[in-house]
Protein backbone atom coordinates (compact mmCIF):
# COMPACT_ATOMS: atom_id res chain seq x y z
CA MET A 1 0.00 0.00 0.00
CA GLN A 2 1.46 3.33 -1.08
CA LYS A 3 1.39 6.20 1.41
CA HIS A 4 0.63 9.79 0.47
CA ARG A 5 1.22 12.84 2.63
CA PHE A 6 -0.83 16.03 2.25
CA LYS A 7 -0.84 19.37 4.00
CA VAL A 8 -4.19 20.24 5.56
CA ILE A 9 -5.63 23.50 6.88
CA LEU A 10 -7.77 23.44 10.01
CA GLU A 11 -9.95 26.47 10.72
CA TRP A 12 -12.03 27.04 13.83
CA ASP A 13 -15.66 27.87 13.02
CA ASP A 14 -16.99 30.44 15.51
CA ASN A 15 -20.57 30.10 14.24
CA ASP A 16 -21.01 26.34 14.40
CA GLY A 17 -18.10 25.38 16.63
CA GLY A 18 -15.66 22.70 15.61
CA TYR A 19 -13.07 22.69 12.86
CA THR A 20 -13.30 22.79 9.08
CA VAL A 21 -10.46 21.00 7.29
CA THR A 22 -9.38 21.50 3.68
CA VAL A 23 -6.63 19.95 1.55
CA PRO A 24 -5.14 22.60 -0.77
CA ALA A 25 -3.66 19.98 -3.13
CA LEU A 26 -7.08 18.31 -3.57
CA PRO A 27 -9.64 20.93 -4.64
CA GLY A 28 -13.01 20.32 -3.03
CA CYS A 29 -11.67 17.88 -0.44
CA ILE A 30 -13.17 19.29 2.75
CA THR A 31 -14.67 17.98 5.98
CA GLU A 32 -15.16 18.99 9.58
CA GLY A 33 -15.01 17.74 13.14
CA ASP A 34 -15.92 18.87 16.63
CA THR A 35 -12.32 18.43 17.82
CA ILE A 36 -8.95 18.61 16.08
CA GLN A 37 -8.56 14.84 16.44
CA GLU A 38 -11.99 14.16 14.93
CA ALA A 39 -11.34 16.61 12.10
CA LEU A 40 -8.00 14.94 11.28
CA GLU A 41 -9.58 11.48 11.30
CA ASN A 42 -12.37 12.72 9.03
CA ILE A 43 -9.96 14.32 6.57
CA GLN A 44 -7.97 11.09 6.29
CA GLU A 45 -11.18 9.33 5.26
CA ALA A 46 -12.07 12.16 2.85
CA ILE A 47 -8.60 12.02 1.25
CA ARG A 48 -8.83 8.25 0.78
CA GLY A 49 -12.21 8.67 -0.89
CA TYR A 50 -10.92 11.48 -3.09
CA LEU A 51 -7.90 9.44 -4.24
CA GLU A 52 -10.05 6.34 -4.85
CA ALA A 53 -12.41 8.45 -6.98
CA LEU A 54 -9.46 9.72 -9.04
CA LYS A 55 -8.35 6.11 -9.64
CA LEU A 56 -11.84 5.03 -10.68
CA GLN A 57 -12.01 7.93 -13.13
CA GLY A 58 -8.62 7.01 -14.56
CA ARG A 59 -7.19 10.35 -13.50
CA PRO A 60 -3.64 10.64 -12.16
CA LEU A 61 -2.98 10.94 -8.45
CA PRO A 62 -1.16 14.10 -7.36
CA GLU A 63 2.58 13.46 -7.64
CA LYS A 64 3.52 15.78 -4.80
CA ASP A 65 1.94 18.13 -2.34
CA ILE A 66 1.85 21.86 -2.97
CA GLN A 67 4.11 24.36 -1.26
CA LEU A 68 2.09 26.13 1.38
CA PHE A 69 2.99 29.34 3.13
CA TYR A 70 1.05 30.76 6.00
CA GLY A 71 1.43 34.34 7.10
CA GLU A 72 -0.33 37.28 8.58
CA VAL A 73 -0.76 40.81 7.30
CA GLU A 74 -2.12 43.88 8.99
CA VAL A 75 -4.41 46.29 7.15
CA SER A 76 -5.58 49.70 8.35
CA LEU A 77 -8.94 51.14 7.36
């Protein structure tokens, strides 16, 4: 079994509580969880499903993850 590693982004949702998780290298691959642990478990399942769907469609799997930079900017109004 081949292993794949992907960067994920977890965002706290103030309105609903819990975390939303996205995978920048896999457009549309998104899930959520009440805790960080639950969100990470859910995104693993979502990634597996996404990759299986690519295989079934005969589309190539991503060869490598994207470079991801995270920063902060300040803006005055």
